[in-house]
C-alpha cells in the first residue's frame, strides 16, 4: 500500500491543492484511497465535506495531535496532507509511514530559501522514501523554472514537473472536486502537467 506524504514546512505553497488532487487521481483509478490531514486547519477534511456523493469515494483519515497510526485495513492508497512548520517527532512519524514524499515548491527565491534547510535534511536522510519536488504555480518555460530545477538538482532531488497557476484548481476545490472529476477536455492542459508525477508515483 503506497503512502504519499505532501510536505513543506512553509505555508501557502499548495500542499492541500496537491494532496486533494492526488487523492482524486487514485480514487478515479478505482483505488480505495484515504486522505489524511495532519494540519490543524483541516483544509483537506473541509474539502472532503464538500465532495459530492456521486464522485469517486475518498475516505477521511484523521491525523490530529500526533495521532499518527497505520491506515485502516482495506485501504490501498494513502495521501497525507501536512501543516506548515512540520518538524521534530511529528515529521519523523509521518516520514516513517511514507513511501514517497513530494515537496511542493514555488519558484520564488523567498520560497526556495524558506525551504532550503528542509530539502537539505531530506536529501541527507538515509531512509526508505523516494523524495521529489514539484514546482507549484510555475510556468515551465520561464527562467524561474530553470532556476528552481538547477537549485533542486544541486541537492540531488528531481523536479517532477510544474503545475501552472490556474483558476481550475480553485474552482474545482470549491465543490470538493479534482481534475479527474470533470471532462478531460475542460482541464486538458492541467492533466498533461501531471504525467511525469503520475509516472513517478507508479514506480515501485
C-alpha atoms as a PDB file:
ATOM      1  CA  UNK A   1       0.000   0.000   0.000  1.00  0.00           C
ATOM      2  CA  UNK A   2       1.720   3.229  -1.107  1.00  0.00           C
ATOM      3  CA  UNK A   3       1.669   6.140   1.325  1.00  0.00           C
ATOM      4  CA  UNK A   4       2.426   9.529  -0.224  1.00  0.00           C
ATOM      5  CA  UNK A   5       3.192  12.455   2.072  1.00  0.00           C
ATOM      6  CA  UNK A   6       2.996  16.024   0.793  1.00  0.00           C
ATOM      7  CA  UNK A   7       5.374  18.066   2.931  1.00  0.00           C
ATOM      8  CA  UNK A   8       6.834  21.546   3.010  1.00  0.00           C
ATOM      9  CA  UNK A   9       7.320  23.423   6.303  1.00  0.00           C
ATOM     10  CA  UNK A  10       6.490  26.665   4.521  1.00  0.00           C
ATOM     11  CA  UNK A  11       2.837  27.592   4.298  1.00  0.00           C
ATOM     12  CA  UNK A  12       0.947  28.724   1.218  1.00  0.00           C
ATOM     13  CA  UNK A  13       2.814  26.561  -1.293  1.00  0.00           C
ATOM     14  CA  UNK A  14      -0.167  24.479  -2.417  1.00  0.00           C
ATOM     15  CA  UNK A  15       0.086  21.368  -0.222  1.00  0.00           C
ATOM     16  CA  UNK A  16      -3.666  20.912   0.133  1.00  0.00           C
ATOM     17  CA  UNK A  17      -4.280  21.517  -3.580  1.00  0.00           C
ATOM     18  CA  UNK A  18      -1.708  18.878  -4.430  1.00  0.00           C
ATOM     19  CA  UNK A  19      -2.908  16.420  -1.779  1.00  0.00           C
ATOM     20  CA  UNK A  20      -6.579  16.577  -2.720  1.00  0.00           C
ATOM     21  CA  UNK A  21      -5.846  16.164  -6.425  1.00  0.00           C
ATOM     22  CA  UNK A  22      -3.518  13.237  -5.723  1.00  0.00           C
ATOM     23  CA  UNK A  23      -6.299  11.556  -3.770  1.00  0.00           C
ATOM     24  CA  UNK A  24      -8.702  12.361  -6.599  1.00  0.00           C
ATOM     25  CA  UNK A  25      -6.401  10.706  -9.120  1.00  0.00           C
ATOM     26  CA  UNK A  26      -6.147   7.480  -7.116  1.00  0.00           C
ATOM     27  CA  UNK A  27      -9.897   7.434  -6.492  1.00  0.00           C
ATOM     28  CA  UNK A  28     -10.575   7.883 -10.209  1.00  0.00           C
ATOM     29  CA  UNK A  29      -8.426   4.803 -10.859  1.00  0.00           C
ATOM     30  CA  UNK A  30     -10.731   2.766  -8.643  1.00  0.00           C
ATOM     31  CA  UNK A  31      -8.397   2.567  -5.647  1.00  0.00           C
ATOM     32  CA  UNK A  32      -9.581   2.666  -2.036  1.00  0.00           C
ATOM     33  CA  UNK A  33      -7.840   5.878  -1.101  1.00  0.00           C
ATOM     34  CA  UNK A  34      -7.690   7.689   2.210  1.00  0.00           C
ATOM     35  CA  UNK A  35      -6.784  11.354   2.611  1.00  0.00           C
ATOM     36  CA  UNK A  36      -5.059  12.045   5.911  1.00  0.00           C
ATOM     37  CA  UNK A  37      -4.998  15.625   7.169  1.00  0.00           C
ATOM     38  CA  UNK A  38      -2.290  16.345   9.734  1.00  0.00           C
ATOM     39  CA  UNK A  39      -2.908  20.096   9.559  1.00  0.00           C
ATOM     40  CA  UNK A  40      -4.734  21.786  12.455  1.00  0.00           C
ATOM     41  CA  UNK A  41      -6.631  23.871   9.919  1.00  0.00           C
ATOM     42  CA  UNK A  42      -8.053  20.622   8.490  1.00  0.00           C
ATOM     43  CA  UNK A  43      -8.289  22.105   4.986  1.00  0.00           C
ATOM     44  CA  UNK A  44      -8.359  18.736   3.265  1.00  0.00           C
ATOM     45  CA  UNK A  45     -11.019  17.420   5.607  1.00  0.00           C
ATOM     46  CA  UNK A  46     -13.148  20.515   4.975  1.00  0.00           C
ATOM     47  CA  UNK A  47     -12.676  19.929   1.236  1.00  0.00           C
ATOM     48  CA  UNK A  48     -13.935  16.358   1.610  1.00  0.00           C
ATOM     49  CA  UNK A  49     -17.108  17.637   3.268  1.00  0.00           C
ATOM     50  CA  UNK A  50     -17.891  19.497   0.033  1.00  0.00           C
ATOM     51  CA  UNK A  51     -17.403  16.434  -2.148  1.00  0.00           C
ATOM     52  CA  UNK A  52     -20.465  15.075  -3.924  1.00  0.00           C
ATOM     53  CA  UNK A  53     -21.546  11.523  -3.159  1.00  0.00           C
ATOM     54  CA  UNK A  54     -21.644  10.915  -6.904  1.00  0.00           C
ATOM     55  CA  UNK A  55     -17.880  11.302  -7.242  1.00  0.00           C
ATOM     56  CA  UNK A  56     -15.315   8.524  -6.627  1.00  0.00           C
ATOM     57  CA  UNK A  57     -15.026   7.929  -2.891  1.00  0.00           C
ATOM     58  CA  UNK A  58     -12.155   9.389  -0.876  1.00  0.00           C
ATOM     59  CA  UNK A  59     -12.206   8.354   2.764  1.00  0.00           C
ATOM     60  CA  UNK A  60     -11.105  10.551   5.654  1.00  0.00           C
ATOM     61  CA  UNK A  61      -8.254   9.519   7.904  1.00  0.00           C
ATOM     62  CA  UNK A  62      -7.874  11.720  10.953  1.00  0.00           C
ATOM     63  CA  UNK A  63      -4.307  12.535  11.915  1.00  0.00           C
ATOM     64  CA  UNK A  64      -4.507  15.002  14.770  1.00  0.00           C
ATOM     65  CA  UNK A  65      -2.181  15.956  17.629  1.00  0.00           C
ATOM     66  CA  UNK A  66       0.462  13.425  16.702  1.00  0.00           C
ATOM     67  CA  UNK A  67      -2.016  10.550  16.434  1.00  0.00           C
ATOM     68  CA  UNK A  68      -0.103   9.001  13.548  1.00  0.00           C
ATOM     69  CA  UNK A  69      -1.002   5.333  13.201  1.00  0.00           C
ATOM     70  CA  UNK A  70      -1.185   2.768  10.429  1.00  0.00           C
ATOM     71  CA  UNK A  71      -4.048   3.279   7.944  1.00  0.00           C
ATOM     72  CA  UNK A  72      -7.190   1.159   8.386  1.00  0.00           C
ATOM     73  CA  UNK A  73      -7.364  -2.232   6.698  1.00  0.00           C
ATOM     74  CA  UNK A  74      -8.772  -2.287   3.189  1.00  0.00           C
ATOM     75  CA  UNK A  75      -7.012   0.916   2.201  1.00  0.00           C
ATOM     76  CA  UNK A  76      -4.946   0.614  -0.975  1.00  0.00           C
ATOM     77  CA  UNK A  77      -3.524   4.154  -1.230  1.00  0.00           C
ATOM     78  CA  UNK A  78      -2.922   6.931   1.294  1.00  0.00           C
ATOM     79  CA  UNK A  79      -2.204  10.623   0.749  1.00  0.00           C
ATOM     80  CA  UNK A  80      -1.144  12.703   3.759  1.00  0.00           C
ATOM     81  CA  UNK A  81      -1.565  16.478   3.744  1.00  0.00           C
ATOM     82  CA  UNK A  82       0.742  18.149   6.261  1.00  0.00           C
ATOM     83  CA  UNK A  83       0.841  21.506   8.020  1.00  0.00           C
ATOM     84  CA  UNK A  84       3.268  24.389   7.770  1.00  0.00           C
ATOM     85  CA  UNK A  85       6.052  24.219  10.319  1.00  0.00           C
ATOM     86  CA  UNK A  86       6.048  20.425  10.483  1.00  0.00           C
ATOM     87  CA  UNK A  87       9.164  19.236  12.337  1.00  0.00           C
ATOM     88  CA  UNK A  88      10.501  17.062  15.114  1.00  0.00           C
ATOM     89  CA  UNK A  89       8.663  13.944  16.223  1.00  0.00           C
ATOM     90  CA  UNK A  90       5.579  14.667  14.096  1.00  0.00           C
ATOM     91  CA  UNK A  91       7.694  14.934  10.954  1.00  0.00           C
ATOM     92  CA  UNK A  92       9.554  11.755  11.878  1.00  0.00           C
ATOM     93  CA  UNK A  93       6.282   9.889  12.456  1.00  0.00           C
ATOM     94  CA  UNK A  94       4.973  10.808   9.012  1.00  0.00           C
ATOM     95  CA  UNK A  95       8.269  10.014   7.314  1.00  0.00           C
ATOM     96  CA  UNK A  96       8.231   6.561   8.913  1.00  0.00           C
ATOM     97  CA  UNK A  97       4.872   5.896   7.273  1.00  0.00           C
ATOM     98  CA  UNK A  98       5.602   7.439   3.892  1.00  0.00           C
ATOM     99  CA  UNK A  99       6.876   5.526   0.900  1.00  0.00           C
ATOM    100  CA  UNK A 100       7.170   8.678  -1.190  1.00  0.00           C
ATOM    101  CA  UNK A 101       7.495  12.335  -0.252  1.00  0.00           C
ATOM    102  CA  UNK A 102       6.506  15.168  -2.555  1.00  0.00           C
ATOM    103  CA  UNK A 103       7.687  18.670  -1.719  1.00  0.00           C
ATOM    104  CA  UNK A 104       5.548  21.312  -3.466  1.00  0.00           C
ATOM    105  CA  UNK A 105       7.674  24.394  -4.021  1.00  0.00           C
ATOM    106  CA  UNK A 106       7.083  27.734  -5.680  1.00  0.00           C
ATOM    107  CA  UNK A 107       9.865  29.232  -7.755  1.00  0.00           C
ATOM    108  CA  UNK A 108      10.338  32.489  -5.860  1.00  0.00           C
ATOM    109  CA  UNK A 109      13.625  32.988  -4.048  1.00  0.00           C
ATOM    110  CA  UNK A 110      11.705  33.572  -0.808  1.00  0.00           C
ATOM    111  CA  UNK A 111      10.079  30.147  -1.052  1.00  0.00           C
ATOM    112  CA  UNK A 112      13.325  28.448  -2.014  1.00  0.00           C
ATOM    113  CA  UNK A 113      15.240  29.986   0.889  1.00  0.00           C
ATOM    114  CA  UNK A 114      12.460  29.140   3.345  1.00  0.00           C
ATOM    115  CA  UNK A 115      12.536  25.506   2.209  1.00  0.00           C
ATOM    116  CA  UNK A 116      16.297  25.126   1.753  1.00  0.00           C
ATOM    117  CA  UNK A 117      17.129  23.592   5.139  1.00  0.00           C
ATOM    118  CA  UNK A 118      14.233  21.148   4.899  1.00  0.00           C
ATOM    119  CA  UNK A 119      15.283  19.968   1.442  1.00  0.00           C
ATOM    120  CA  UNK A 120      18.869  19.526   2.607  1.00  0.00           C
ATOM    121  CA  UNK A 121      17.627  17.478   5.552  1.00  0.00           C
ATOM    122  CA  UNK A 122      15.544  15.247   3.295  1.00  0.00           C
ATOM    123  CA  UNK A 123      18.323  14.724   0.778  1.00  0.00           C
ATOM    124  CA  UNK A 124      20.731  13.763   3.577  1.00  0.00           C
ATOM    125  CA  UNK A 125      18.433  11.257   5.303  1.00  0.00           C
ATOM    126  CA  UNK A 126      19.144   7.572   4.896  1.00  0.00           C
ATOM    127  CA  UNK A 127      15.522   6.472   4.686  1.00  0.00           C
ATOM    128  CA  UNK A 128      13.338   4.283   2.507  1.00  0.00           C
ATOM    129  CA  UNK A 129      11.463   7.211   0.970  1.00  0.00           C
ATOM    130  CA  UNK A 130      11.692   8.419  -2.581  1.00  0.00           C
ATOM    131  CA  UNK A 131      11.706  12.225  -2.464  1.00  0.00           C
ATOM    132  CA  UNK A 132      10.925  14.652  -5.262  1.00  0.00           C
ATOM    133  CA  UNK A 133       9.978  18.292  -5.760  1.00  0.00           C
ATOM    134  CA  UNK A 134       7.008  19.618  -7.724  1.00  0.00           C
ATOM    135  CA  UNK A 135       7.025  23.214  -8.930  1.00  0.00           C
ATOM    136  CA  UNK A 136       3.783  24.945  -7.987  1.00  0.00           C
ATOM    137  CA  UNK A 137       2.223  27.870  -9.866  1.00  0.00           C
ATOM    138  CA  UNK A 138       5.186  27.845 -12.221  1.00  0.00           C
ATOM    139  CA  UNK A 139       5.371  28.302 -15.979  1.00  0.00           C
ATOM    140  CA  UNK A 140       7.772  25.591 -17.136  1.00  0.00           C
ATOM    141  CA  UNK A 141       9.115  27.834 -19.910  1.00  0.00           C
ATOM    142  CA  UNK A 142      10.379  30.589 -17.620  1.00  0.00           C
ATOM    143  CA  UNK A 143      13.790  31.328 -16.134  1.00  0.00           C
ATOM    144  CA  UNK A 144      12.214  30.839 -12.715  1.00  0.00           C
ATOM    145  CA  UNK A 145      11.504  27.206 -13.560  1.00  0.00           C
ATOM    146  CA  UNK A 146      15.081  26.720 -14.774  1.00  0.00           C
ATOM    147  CA  UNK A 147      16.451  28.252 -11.582  1.00  0.00           C
ATOM    148  CA  UNK A 148      14.243  26.015  -9.444  1.00  0.00           C
ATOM    149  CA  UNK A 149      15.373  22.897 -11.313  1.00  0.00           C
ATOM    150  CA  UNK A 150      19.024  23.948 -11.029  1.00  0.00           C
ATOM    151  CA  UNK A 151      18.789  24.566  -7.296  1.00  0.00           C
ATOM    152  CA  UNK A 152      16.917  21.354  -6.521  1.00  0.00           C
ATOM    153  CA  UNK A 153      19.234  19.393  -8.813  1.00  0.00           C
ATOM    154  CA  UNK A 154      22.224  20.518  -6.743  1.00  0.00           C
ATOM    155  CA  UNK A 155      20.649  18.722  -3.789  1.00  0.00           C
ATOM    156  CA  UNK A 156      20.295  15.529  -5.778  1.00  0.00           C
ATOM    157  CA  UNK A 157      16.495  15.722  -5.882  1.00  0.00           C
ATOM    158  CA  UNK A 158      14.403  15.545  -9.073  1.00  0.00           C
ATOM    159  CA  UNK A 159      11.803  18.104 -10.114  1.00  0.00           C
ATOM    160  CA  UNK A 160       8.825  16.078 -11.278  1.00  0.00           C
ATOM    161  CA  UNK A 161       7.266  18.892 -13.240  1.00  0.00           C
ATOM    162  CA  UNK A 162       5.435  22.170 -12.849  1.00  0.00           C
ATOM    163  CA  UNK A 163       1.778  22.904 -12.203  1.00  0.00           C
ATOM    164  CA  UNK A 164       0.649  26.160 -13.747  1.00  0.00           C
ATOM    165  CA  UNK A 165      -1.172  28.966 -11.954  1.00  0.00           C
ATOM    166  CA  UNK A 166      -4.802  28.457 -12.974  1.00  0.00           C
ATOM    167  CA  UNK A 167      -8.292  29.030 -11.588  1.00  0.00           C
ATOM    168  CA  UNK A 168      -9.227  25.436 -12.401  1.00  0.00           C
ATOM    169  CA  UNK A 169      -7.866  24.136  -9.099  1.00  0.00           C
ATOM    170  CA  UNK A 170      -9.633  26.853  -7.119  1.00  0.00           C
ATOM    171  CA  UNK A 171     -12.983  26.395  -8.834  1.00  0.00           C
ATOM    172  CA  UNK A 172     -12.901  22.607  -8.529  1.00  0.00           C
ATOM    173  CA  UNK A 173     -11.860  22.755  -4.876  1.00  0.00           C
ATOM    174  CA  UNK A 174     -14.934  24.842  -4.094  1.00  0.00           C
ATOM    175  CA  UNK A 175     -17.017  21.776  -4.969  1.00  0.00           C
ATOM    176  CA  UNK A 176     -14.797  19.130  -3.384  1.00  0.00           C
ATOM    177  CA  UNK A 177     -13.689  18.060  -6.847  1.00  0.00           C
ATOM    178  CA  UNK A 178     -10.400  17.400  -8.649  1.00  0.00           C
ATOM    179  CA  UNK A 179      -9.067  17.439 -12.189  1.00  0.00           C
ATOM    180  CA  UNK A 180     -10.171  13.815 -12.558  1.00  0.00           C
ATOM    181  CA  UNK A 181     -13.790  14.534 -11.665  1.00  0.00           C
ATOM    182  CA  UNK A 182     -14.603  16.614 -14.754  1.00  0.00           C
ATOM    183  CA  UNK A 183     -14.458  16.078 -18.502  1.00  0.00           C
ATOM    184  CA  UNK A 184     -10.785  15.825 -19.563  1.00  0.00           C
ATOM    185  CA  UNK A 185     -11.362  18.355 -22.326  1.00  0.00           C
ATOM    186  CA  UNK A 186     -12.041  21.046 -19.698  1.00  0.00           C
ATOM    187  CA  UNK A 187      -8.687  20.572 -17.952  1.00  0.00           C
ATOM    188  CA  UNK A 188      -6.549  19.142 -20.744  1.00  0.00           C
ATOM    189  CA  UNK A 189      -3.565  21.457 -20.178  1.00  0.00           C
ATOM    190  CA  UNK A 190      -3.544  20.721 -16.462  1.00  0.00           C
ATOM    191  CA  UNK A 191      -3.798  16.949 -16.804  1.00  0.00           C
ATOM    192  CA  UNK A 192      -0.790  16.933 -19.138  1.00  0.00           C
ATOM    193  CA  UNK A 193       1.310  18.528 -16.408  1.00  0.00           C
ATOM    194  CA  UNK A 194       0.662  15.559 -14.120  1.00  0.00           C
ATOM    195  CA  UNK A 195       2.067  12.913 -16.467  1.00  0.00           C
ATOM    196  CA  UNK A 196       5.607  12.872 -15.068  1.00  0.00           C
ATOM    197  CA  UNK A 197       4.387  12.958 -11.472  1.00  0.00           C
ATOM    198  CA  UNK A 198       1.991  10.058 -12.052  1.00  0.00           C
ATOM    199  CA  UNK A 199       4.723   8.017 -13.744  1.00  0.00           C
ATOM    200  CA  UNK A 200       6.944   8.579 -10.686  1.00  0.00           C
ATOM    201  CA  UNK A 201       4.146   7.622  -8.307  1.00  0.00           C
ATOM    202  CA  UNK A 202       3.561   4.374 -10.181  1.00  0.00           C
ATOM    203  CA  UNK A 203       7.201   3.356  -9.982  1.00  0.00           C
ATOM    204  CA  UNK A 204       7.823   0.584  -7.464  1.00  0.00           C
END
